[in-house]
N, C-alpha and C. Protein backbone atom coordinates (compact mmCIF):
# COMPACT_ATOMS: atom_id res chain seq x y z
N MET A 1 -25.17 -38.02 -8.66
CA MET A 1 -26.41 -38.31 -9.34
C MET A 1 -27.51 -37.59 -8.57
N THR A 2 -28.31 -36.85 -9.30
CA THR A 2 -29.44 -36.15 -8.69
C THR A 2 -30.73 -36.55 -9.38
N ALA A 3 -31.77 -36.71 -8.59
CA ALA A 3 -33.07 -37.08 -9.15
C ALA A 3 -33.66 -35.91 -9.90
N VAL A 4 -34.22 -36.19 -11.08
CA VAL A 4 -34.85 -35.16 -11.89
C VAL A 4 -36.36 -35.35 -11.87
N GLY A 5 -36.80 -36.54 -11.81
CA GLY A 5 -38.22 -36.88 -11.77
C GLY A 5 -38.34 -38.27 -11.20
N ASP A 6 -39.51 -38.83 -11.29
CA ASP A 6 -39.70 -40.16 -10.74
C ASP A 6 -38.80 -41.20 -11.40
N ASP A 7 -38.62 -41.08 -12.72
CA ASP A 7 -37.91 -42.11 -13.46
C ASP A 7 -36.59 -41.64 -14.05
N ASN A 8 -36.20 -40.41 -13.82
CA ASN A 8 -35.00 -39.87 -14.45
C ASN A 8 -33.98 -39.40 -13.43
N VAL A 9 -32.71 -39.48 -13.82
CA VAL A 9 -31.61 -39.00 -13.00
C VAL A 9 -30.64 -38.24 -13.89
N THR A 10 -29.87 -37.38 -13.28
CA THR A 10 -28.80 -36.70 -14.00
C THR A 10 -27.50 -37.42 -13.67
N VAL A 11 -26.79 -37.78 -14.70
CA VAL A 11 -25.55 -38.54 -14.55
C VAL A 11 -24.41 -37.71 -15.12
N GLU A 12 -23.31 -37.63 -14.36
CA GLU A 12 -22.07 -37.04 -14.86
C GLU A 12 -21.03 -38.15 -14.93
N VAL A 13 -20.55 -38.40 -16.11
CA VAL A 13 -19.58 -39.48 -16.31
C VAL A 13 -18.56 -39.02 -17.34
N THR A 14 -17.31 -39.35 -17.08
CA THR A 14 -16.25 -39.04 -18.03
C THR A 14 -16.03 -40.28 -18.88
N VAL A 15 -16.24 -40.13 -20.18
CA VAL A 15 -16.09 -41.25 -21.11
C VAL A 15 -14.98 -40.92 -22.09
N ASN A 16 -13.97 -41.74 -22.09
CA ASN A 16 -12.81 -41.55 -22.97
C ASN A 16 -12.23 -40.15 -22.83
N GLY A 17 -12.19 -39.67 -21.59
CA GLY A 17 -11.59 -38.37 -21.29
C GLY A 17 -12.50 -37.18 -21.45
N ARG A 18 -13.73 -37.39 -21.84
CA ARG A 18 -14.66 -36.27 -22.06
C ARG A 18 -15.83 -36.37 -21.08
N LEU A 19 -16.10 -35.28 -20.37
CA LEU A 19 -17.18 -35.26 -19.38
C LEU A 19 -18.53 -35.12 -20.08
N HIS A 20 -19.47 -35.96 -19.66
CA HIS A 20 -20.84 -35.91 -20.18
C HIS A 20 -21.78 -35.75 -19.00
N ARG A 21 -22.70 -34.84 -19.14
CA ARG A 21 -23.76 -34.66 -18.14
C ARG A 21 -25.07 -34.86 -18.88
N GLU A 22 -25.80 -35.91 -18.50
CA GLU A 22 -27.01 -36.29 -19.23
C GLU A 22 -28.13 -36.64 -18.27
N ARG A 23 -29.33 -36.33 -18.67
CA ARG A 23 -30.52 -36.83 -17.97
C ARG A 23 -30.90 -38.15 -18.62
N VAL A 24 -31.03 -39.16 -17.79
CA VAL A 24 -31.34 -40.49 -18.31
C VAL A 24 -32.39 -41.15 -17.44
N GLU A 25 -33.04 -42.14 -18.01
CA GLU A 25 -33.94 -42.97 -17.21
C GLU A 25 -33.08 -43.71 -16.18
N ALA A 26 -33.58 -43.82 -14.98
CA ALA A 26 -32.83 -44.47 -13.91
C ALA A 26 -32.46 -45.90 -14.27
N ARG A 27 -33.25 -46.55 -15.08
CA ARG A 27 -33.00 -47.95 -15.43
C ARG A 27 -32.22 -48.14 -16.74
N LEU A 28 -31.72 -47.05 -17.33
CA LEU A 28 -30.96 -47.15 -18.57
C LEU A 28 -29.63 -47.86 -18.31
N LEU A 29 -29.37 -48.89 -19.08
CA LEU A 29 -28.12 -49.64 -18.93
C LEU A 29 -26.94 -48.81 -19.44
N LEU A 30 -25.79 -49.03 -18.83
CA LEU A 30 -24.58 -48.32 -19.27
C LEU A 30 -24.29 -48.61 -20.73
N SER A 31 -24.47 -49.85 -21.16
CA SER A 31 -24.23 -50.19 -22.57
C SER A 31 -25.15 -49.39 -23.49
N ASP A 32 -26.40 -49.23 -23.12
CA ASP A 32 -27.34 -48.46 -23.94
C ASP A 32 -27.02 -46.97 -23.90
N PHE A 33 -26.55 -46.49 -22.76
CA PHE A 33 -26.13 -45.09 -22.64
C PHE A 33 -24.96 -44.82 -23.59
N LEU A 34 -23.97 -45.69 -23.56
CA LEU A 34 -22.78 -45.50 -24.40
C LEU A 34 -23.14 -45.56 -25.88
N ARG A 35 -23.95 -46.53 -26.25
CA ARG A 35 -24.30 -46.71 -27.66
C ARG A 35 -25.33 -45.69 -28.14
N GLY A 36 -26.43 -45.58 -27.40
CA GLY A 36 -27.56 -44.77 -27.86
C GLY A 36 -27.40 -43.28 -27.59
N ARG A 37 -26.93 -42.93 -26.43
CA ARG A 37 -26.80 -41.51 -26.06
C ARG A 37 -25.51 -40.90 -26.58
N LEU A 38 -24.41 -41.64 -26.47
CA LEU A 38 -23.11 -41.07 -26.83
C LEU A 38 -22.62 -41.51 -28.22
N GLY A 39 -23.31 -42.46 -28.83
CA GLY A 39 -22.94 -42.90 -30.17
C GLY A 39 -21.66 -43.72 -30.22
N LEU A 40 -21.26 -44.30 -29.10
CA LEU A 40 -20.04 -45.11 -29.04
C LEU A 40 -20.41 -46.57 -29.28
N THR A 41 -20.59 -46.89 -30.55
CA THR A 41 -21.13 -48.19 -30.93
C THR A 41 -20.08 -49.30 -30.94
N GLY A 42 -18.85 -48.99 -30.57
CA GLY A 42 -17.83 -50.03 -30.43
C GLY A 42 -18.13 -50.96 -29.27
N THR A 43 -18.89 -50.47 -28.30
CA THR A 43 -19.33 -51.33 -27.20
C THR A 43 -20.50 -52.15 -27.72
N HIS A 44 -20.25 -53.43 -27.94
CA HIS A 44 -21.29 -54.28 -28.52
C HIS A 44 -22.16 -54.89 -27.43
N VAL A 45 -23.35 -55.26 -27.80
CA VAL A 45 -24.28 -55.91 -26.88
C VAL A 45 -24.62 -57.26 -27.48
N GLY A 46 -24.30 -58.30 -26.74
CA GLY A 46 -24.56 -59.66 -27.23
C GLY A 46 -25.68 -60.32 -26.46
N CYS A 47 -25.34 -60.90 -25.34
CA CYS A 47 -26.30 -61.71 -24.59
C CYS A 47 -27.20 -60.89 -23.67
N GLU A 48 -26.77 -59.72 -23.26
CA GLU A 48 -27.48 -58.85 -22.32
C GLU A 48 -27.67 -59.50 -20.95
N HIS A 49 -26.82 -60.47 -20.64
CA HIS A 49 -26.86 -61.14 -19.33
C HIS A 49 -25.49 -61.18 -18.67
N GLY A 50 -24.49 -60.51 -19.26
CA GLY A 50 -23.15 -60.47 -18.68
C GLY A 50 -22.33 -61.72 -18.92
N VAL A 51 -22.76 -62.58 -19.82
CA VAL A 51 -22.08 -63.85 -20.04
C VAL A 51 -21.06 -63.78 -21.17
N CYS A 52 -21.38 -63.08 -22.25
CA CYS A 52 -20.55 -63.16 -23.45
C CYS A 52 -19.35 -62.22 -23.46
N GLY A 53 -19.40 -61.13 -22.73
CA GLY A 53 -18.27 -60.22 -22.64
C GLY A 53 -18.15 -59.19 -23.74
N THR A 54 -19.04 -59.19 -24.72
CA THR A 54 -18.90 -58.25 -25.83
C THR A 54 -19.09 -56.80 -25.40
N CYS A 55 -19.75 -56.57 -24.29
CA CYS A 55 -20.02 -55.21 -23.82
C CYS A 55 -18.99 -54.69 -22.82
N THR A 56 -17.88 -55.40 -22.67
CA THR A 56 -16.88 -55.04 -21.67
C THR A 56 -16.29 -53.66 -21.93
N VAL A 57 -16.27 -52.84 -20.89
CA VAL A 57 -15.63 -51.53 -20.88
C VAL A 57 -14.80 -51.46 -19.60
N ARG A 58 -14.03 -50.40 -19.45
CA ARG A 58 -13.29 -50.20 -18.20
C ARG A 58 -13.95 -49.08 -17.42
N LEU A 59 -14.30 -49.36 -16.18
CA LEU A 59 -14.93 -48.39 -15.28
C LEU A 59 -13.92 -48.11 -14.18
N ASP A 60 -13.44 -46.87 -14.14
CA ASP A 60 -12.38 -46.50 -13.19
C ASP A 60 -11.21 -47.49 -13.26
N GLY A 61 -10.88 -47.91 -14.49
CA GLY A 61 -9.73 -48.76 -14.73
C GLY A 61 -9.95 -50.25 -14.60
N THR A 62 -11.15 -50.68 -14.25
CA THR A 62 -11.44 -52.10 -14.07
C THR A 62 -12.45 -52.56 -15.12
N ALA A 63 -12.18 -53.70 -15.72
CA ALA A 63 -13.08 -54.25 -16.74
C ALA A 63 -14.41 -54.64 -16.09
N VAL A 64 -15.51 -54.18 -16.71
CA VAL A 64 -16.86 -54.50 -16.24
C VAL A 64 -17.74 -54.79 -17.45
N ARG A 65 -18.83 -55.48 -17.21
CA ARG A 65 -19.83 -55.75 -18.25
C ARG A 65 -20.84 -54.61 -18.22
N SER A 66 -20.86 -53.80 -19.25
CA SER A 66 -21.72 -52.62 -19.25
C SER A 66 -23.20 -52.96 -19.37
N CYS A 67 -23.52 -54.19 -19.76
CA CYS A 67 -24.94 -54.59 -19.83
C CYS A 67 -25.49 -54.94 -18.45
N LEU A 68 -24.62 -55.02 -17.45
CA LEU A 68 -25.05 -55.36 -16.10
C LEU A 68 -25.09 -54.15 -15.17
N LEU A 69 -24.75 -52.99 -15.69
CA LEU A 69 -24.71 -51.78 -14.88
C LEU A 69 -25.68 -50.75 -15.43
N PHE A 70 -26.28 -50.00 -14.55
CA PHE A 70 -27.07 -48.85 -14.98
C PHE A 70 -26.12 -47.69 -15.21
N ALA A 71 -26.49 -46.81 -16.14
CA ALA A 71 -25.69 -45.61 -16.37
C ALA A 71 -25.55 -44.81 -15.08
N ALA A 72 -26.59 -44.81 -14.27
CA ALA A 72 -26.56 -44.07 -13.00
C ALA A 72 -25.47 -44.60 -12.07
N GLN A 73 -25.12 -45.87 -12.19
CA GLN A 73 -24.07 -46.43 -11.35
C GLN A 73 -22.69 -45.93 -11.75
N ALA A 74 -22.57 -45.38 -12.95
CA ALA A 74 -21.30 -44.83 -13.43
C ALA A 74 -21.16 -43.35 -13.10
N ASP A 75 -22.15 -42.79 -12.42
CA ASP A 75 -22.11 -41.38 -12.05
C ASP A 75 -20.82 -41.09 -11.28
N GLY A 76 -20.08 -40.09 -11.74
CA GLY A 76 -18.84 -39.69 -11.08
C GLY A 76 -17.65 -40.54 -11.45
N CYS A 77 -17.82 -41.47 -12.34
CA CYS A 77 -16.75 -42.41 -12.71
C CYS A 77 -16.14 -42.06 -14.06
N GLU A 78 -15.04 -42.74 -14.35
CA GLU A 78 -14.42 -42.66 -15.66
C GLU A 78 -14.66 -43.97 -16.39
N VAL A 79 -15.13 -43.87 -17.61
CA VAL A 79 -15.39 -45.04 -18.44
C VAL A 79 -14.48 -44.96 -19.66
N GLN A 80 -13.86 -46.08 -19.99
CA GLN A 80 -13.09 -46.17 -21.23
C GLN A 80 -13.73 -47.23 -22.09
N THR A 81 -14.02 -46.87 -23.33
CA THR A 81 -14.55 -47.80 -24.30
C THR A 81 -13.45 -48.11 -25.31
N VAL A 82 -13.73 -49.02 -26.21
CA VAL A 82 -12.74 -49.39 -27.22
C VAL A 82 -12.34 -48.16 -28.05
N GLU A 83 -13.26 -47.23 -28.23
CA GLU A 83 -12.93 -46.01 -28.99
C GLU A 83 -11.87 -45.18 -28.27
N GLY A 84 -11.77 -45.34 -26.95
CA GLY A 84 -10.81 -44.58 -26.18
C GLY A 84 -9.44 -45.23 -26.06
N LEU A 85 -9.27 -46.42 -26.60
CA LEU A 85 -7.97 -47.08 -26.50
C LEU A 85 -6.89 -46.32 -27.24
N ALA A 86 -7.17 -45.94 -28.44
CA ALA A 86 -6.17 -45.30 -29.28
C ALA A 86 -6.48 -43.81 -29.40
N GLY A 87 -6.22 -43.08 -28.33
CA GLY A 87 -6.53 -41.66 -28.30
C GLY A 87 -5.80 -40.84 -29.34
N THR A 88 -4.67 -41.35 -29.81
CA THR A 88 -3.87 -40.62 -30.81
C THR A 88 -4.33 -40.90 -32.23
N GLY A 89 -5.25 -41.83 -32.39
CA GLY A 89 -5.68 -42.21 -33.73
C GLY A 89 -4.87 -43.35 -34.30
N GLU A 90 -3.77 -43.71 -33.65
CA GLU A 90 -2.94 -44.85 -34.07
C GLU A 90 -3.38 -46.07 -33.28
N LEU A 91 -3.21 -47.24 -33.87
CA LEU A 91 -3.53 -48.46 -33.16
C LEU A 91 -2.60 -48.63 -31.95
N THR A 92 -3.13 -49.19 -30.88
CA THR A 92 -2.29 -49.51 -29.72
C THR A 92 -1.46 -50.75 -30.04
N ASP A 93 -0.50 -51.04 -29.18
CA ASP A 93 0.31 -52.24 -29.39
C ASP A 93 -0.54 -53.50 -29.36
N LEU A 94 -1.55 -53.52 -28.50
CA LEU A 94 -2.45 -54.67 -28.44
C LEU A 94 -3.26 -54.80 -29.73
N GLN A 95 -3.77 -53.71 -30.23
CA GLN A 95 -4.52 -53.75 -31.48
C GLN A 95 -3.63 -54.19 -32.64
N ARG A 96 -2.40 -53.72 -32.67
CA ARG A 96 -1.46 -54.14 -33.72
C ARG A 96 -1.18 -55.64 -33.62
N ALA A 97 -1.05 -56.15 -32.38
CA ALA A 97 -0.82 -57.59 -32.20
C ALA A 97 -2.03 -58.40 -32.66
N PHE A 98 -3.22 -57.90 -32.39
CA PHE A 98 -4.43 -58.58 -32.87
C PHE A 98 -4.41 -58.66 -34.39
N ARG A 99 -4.03 -57.58 -35.03
CA ARG A 99 -3.97 -57.58 -36.50
C ARG A 99 -2.90 -58.56 -36.99
N ALA A 100 -1.72 -58.52 -36.38
CA ALA A 100 -0.62 -59.36 -36.82
C ALA A 100 -0.91 -60.85 -36.63
N HIS A 101 -1.63 -61.19 -35.58
CA HIS A 101 -1.93 -62.60 -35.29
C HIS A 101 -3.27 -63.05 -35.86
N HIS A 102 -3.93 -62.18 -36.59
CA HIS A 102 -5.26 -62.49 -37.14
C HIS A 102 -6.20 -62.94 -36.03
N ALA A 103 -6.20 -62.16 -34.95
CA ALA A 103 -6.96 -62.51 -33.75
C ALA A 103 -8.39 -61.98 -33.80
N LEU A 104 -8.87 -61.74 -34.98
CA LEU A 104 -10.26 -61.35 -35.13
C LEU A 104 -10.73 -61.81 -36.50
N GLN A 105 -11.98 -62.11 -36.57
CA GLN A 105 -12.55 -62.45 -37.86
C GLN A 105 -13.78 -61.58 -38.08
N CYS A 106 -14.90 -61.93 -37.48
CA CYS A 106 -16.08 -61.09 -37.69
C CYS A 106 -15.96 -59.79 -36.90
N GLY A 107 -15.20 -59.80 -35.81
CA GLY A 107 -14.95 -58.59 -35.04
C GLY A 107 -15.98 -58.28 -33.97
N PHE A 108 -17.02 -59.07 -33.85
CA PHE A 108 -18.07 -58.74 -32.89
C PHE A 108 -17.56 -58.80 -31.45
N CYS A 109 -16.75 -59.78 -31.12
CA CYS A 109 -16.25 -59.91 -29.75
C CYS A 109 -15.04 -59.02 -29.49
N THR A 110 -14.39 -58.55 -30.53
CA THR A 110 -13.09 -57.89 -30.41
C THR A 110 -13.07 -56.72 -29.44
N PRO A 111 -14.02 -55.78 -29.48
CA PRO A 111 -13.94 -54.67 -28.53
C PRO A 111 -13.96 -55.12 -27.07
N GLY A 112 -14.82 -56.07 -26.75
CA GLY A 112 -14.87 -56.57 -25.38
C GLY A 112 -13.61 -57.30 -24.98
N VAL A 113 -13.06 -58.09 -25.89
CA VAL A 113 -11.82 -58.81 -25.61
C VAL A 113 -10.68 -57.81 -25.41
N LEU A 114 -10.60 -56.81 -26.26
CA LEU A 114 -9.55 -55.80 -26.11
C LEU A 114 -9.62 -55.10 -24.76
N MET A 115 -10.84 -54.74 -24.34
CA MET A 115 -10.99 -54.02 -23.07
C MET A 115 -10.64 -54.92 -21.89
N ALA A 116 -11.07 -56.17 -21.94
CA ALA A 116 -10.73 -57.11 -20.86
C ALA A 116 -9.22 -57.38 -20.85
N ALA A 117 -8.62 -57.51 -22.03
CA ALA A 117 -7.18 -57.75 -22.12
C ALA A 117 -6.39 -56.57 -21.59
N GLU A 118 -6.83 -55.36 -21.89
CA GLU A 118 -6.12 -54.17 -21.36
C GLU A 118 -6.16 -54.15 -19.85
N ASP A 119 -7.28 -54.57 -19.27
CA ASP A 119 -7.38 -54.66 -17.82
C ASP A 119 -6.37 -55.67 -17.28
N LEU A 120 -6.29 -56.82 -17.90
CA LEU A 120 -5.33 -57.84 -17.49
C LEU A 120 -3.90 -57.35 -17.66
N LEU A 121 -3.59 -56.76 -18.80
CA LEU A 121 -2.24 -56.28 -19.07
C LEU A 121 -1.82 -55.18 -18.11
N ALA A 122 -2.76 -54.38 -17.67
CA ALA A 122 -2.44 -53.28 -16.75
C ALA A 122 -1.95 -53.81 -15.40
N ARG A 123 -2.34 -55.03 -15.07
CA ARG A 123 -1.92 -55.63 -13.80
C ARG A 123 -0.51 -56.21 -13.87
N GLY A 124 -0.02 -56.49 -15.09
CA GLY A 124 1.34 -56.99 -15.27
C GLY A 124 1.48 -58.46 -14.91
N GLY A 125 2.65 -59.00 -15.22
CA GLY A 125 2.94 -60.39 -14.90
C GLY A 125 2.03 -61.39 -15.57
N VAL A 126 1.66 -61.13 -16.80
CA VAL A 126 0.67 -61.96 -17.51
C VAL A 126 1.31 -63.23 -18.05
N GLU A 127 0.71 -64.36 -17.74
CA GLU A 127 1.14 -65.66 -18.23
C GLU A 127 -0.01 -66.27 -19.04
N ARG A 128 0.28 -67.34 -19.77
CA ARG A 128 -0.72 -68.01 -20.62
C ARG A 128 -1.97 -68.38 -19.83
N ASP A 129 -1.80 -68.94 -18.63
CA ASP A 129 -2.96 -69.32 -17.82
C ASP A 129 -3.86 -68.13 -17.52
N ASP A 130 -3.25 -66.96 -17.28
CA ASP A 130 -4.03 -65.74 -17.01
C ASP A 130 -4.89 -65.38 -18.21
N VAL A 131 -4.30 -65.47 -19.39
CA VAL A 131 -5.02 -65.13 -20.62
C VAL A 131 -6.14 -66.13 -20.87
N GLU A 132 -5.85 -67.39 -20.65
CA GLU A 132 -6.88 -68.42 -20.87
C GLU A 132 -8.04 -68.25 -19.89
N ARG A 133 -7.75 -67.89 -18.64
CA ARG A 133 -8.83 -67.62 -17.67
C ARG A 133 -9.64 -66.41 -18.10
N LEU A 134 -8.95 -65.38 -18.57
CA LEU A 134 -9.64 -64.18 -19.05
C LEU A 134 -10.60 -64.53 -20.18
N LEU A 135 -10.13 -65.32 -21.12
CA LEU A 135 -10.94 -65.64 -22.29
C LEU A 135 -12.07 -66.62 -21.99
N ALA A 136 -12.04 -67.25 -20.84
CA ALA A 136 -13.15 -68.11 -20.44
C ALA A 136 -14.42 -67.29 -20.28
N GLY A 137 -14.29 -66.00 -20.08
CA GLY A 137 -15.44 -65.11 -19.94
C GLY A 137 -15.72 -64.26 -21.15
N GLN A 138 -15.11 -64.58 -22.27
CA GLN A 138 -15.29 -63.82 -23.51
C GLN A 138 -15.67 -64.81 -24.61
N VAL A 139 -16.84 -64.65 -25.16
CA VAL A 139 -17.30 -65.58 -26.20
C VAL A 139 -16.85 -65.10 -27.57
N CYS A 140 -16.14 -65.97 -28.28
CA CYS A 140 -15.73 -65.74 -29.67
C CYS A 140 -16.09 -66.98 -30.44
N ARG A 141 -16.84 -66.81 -31.51
CA ARG A 141 -17.27 -67.98 -32.29
C ARG A 141 -16.44 -68.18 -33.55
N CYS A 142 -15.45 -67.31 -33.78
CA CYS A 142 -14.75 -67.36 -35.06
C CYS A 142 -13.31 -67.84 -34.99
N THR A 143 -12.52 -67.36 -34.03
CA THR A 143 -11.07 -67.55 -34.12
C THR A 143 -10.54 -68.82 -33.47
N GLY A 144 -11.29 -69.45 -32.61
CA GLY A 144 -10.75 -70.59 -31.89
C GLY A 144 -9.83 -70.16 -30.75
N TYR A 145 -9.74 -68.91 -30.46
CA TYR A 145 -9.03 -68.31 -29.32
C TYR A 145 -7.51 -68.31 -29.43
N THR A 146 -6.90 -69.26 -30.11
CA THR A 146 -5.43 -69.33 -30.14
C THR A 146 -4.80 -68.03 -30.63
N PRO A 147 -5.28 -67.43 -31.71
CA PRO A 147 -4.67 -66.17 -32.15
C PRO A 147 -4.84 -65.04 -31.12
N ILE A 148 -5.96 -65.05 -30.41
CA ILE A 148 -6.20 -64.04 -29.38
C ILE A 148 -5.21 -64.22 -28.24
N VAL A 149 -5.02 -65.45 -27.80
CA VAL A 149 -4.06 -65.74 -26.73
C VAL A 149 -2.66 -65.28 -27.15
N GLU A 150 -2.27 -65.61 -28.36
CA GLU A 150 -0.93 -65.25 -28.83
C GLU A 150 -0.76 -63.72 -28.92
N ALA A 151 -1.78 -63.02 -29.36
CA ALA A 151 -1.70 -61.56 -29.46
C ALA A 151 -1.55 -60.92 -28.08
N ILE A 152 -2.31 -61.41 -27.12
CA ILE A 152 -2.24 -60.85 -25.77
C ILE A 152 -0.90 -61.17 -25.13
N LEU A 153 -0.42 -62.40 -25.29
CA LEU A 153 0.87 -62.78 -24.72
C LEU A 153 2.02 -61.98 -25.34
N GLU A 154 1.97 -61.79 -26.65
CA GLU A 154 3.01 -60.99 -27.31
C GLU A 154 3.02 -59.57 -26.74
N THR A 155 1.84 -59.00 -26.55
CA THR A 155 1.75 -57.65 -26.01
C THR A 155 2.28 -57.61 -24.58
N ALA A 156 1.95 -58.61 -23.78
CA ALA A 156 2.44 -58.67 -22.40
C ALA A 156 3.96 -58.75 -22.38
N GLN A 157 4.52 -59.57 -23.24
CA GLN A 157 5.98 -59.71 -23.29
C GLN A 157 6.64 -58.41 -23.74
N ARG A 158 6.05 -57.77 -24.74
CA ARG A 158 6.61 -56.51 -25.24
C ARG A 158 6.56 -55.44 -24.16
N ARG A 159 5.43 -55.37 -23.45
CA ARG A 159 5.30 -54.36 -22.39
C ARG A 159 6.23 -54.64 -21.21
N ALA A 160 6.55 -55.91 -20.99
CA ALA A 160 7.46 -56.27 -19.90
C ALA A 160 8.92 -56.13 -20.32
N GLY A 161 9.14 -55.77 -21.58
CA GLY A 161 10.50 -55.57 -22.08
C GLY A 161 11.22 -56.85 -22.43
N ARG A 162 10.47 -57.92 -22.65
CA ARG A 162 11.09 -59.20 -23.02
C ARG A 162 11.21 -59.33 -24.51
């Protein structure tokens, strides 16, 4: 990150495999950078306080709340958004499980839940308690969570070869 002026910085960040070099206000949130500058509107903004989880993305492979980070903090990092999950254009196994279990209704929370779930699944050894703890930080007002839990557990079992 290099200073351009009093209020601007140059940020280089790889988003969904593509390098972006942008001049941004130093106080620009990562969520606003992704949505406004890059047009990646799958990253939703709900509470803007890091509570609801709708803005969850993966930063260098770890789930983070993009409304709590400045774009400048992602300088030199890799960011994956929900648009980057299915690089081939086909749904991922997790997305297919969400569809099969009807784990979404309005869809507002879905991108954040998917990104947080991918982070959990990447660690392996996922049990029901792990999924329930994960969802304690993701607000969904539509599904009652049970279909989401079942979709994530099915994906974990499939990935573990069970």
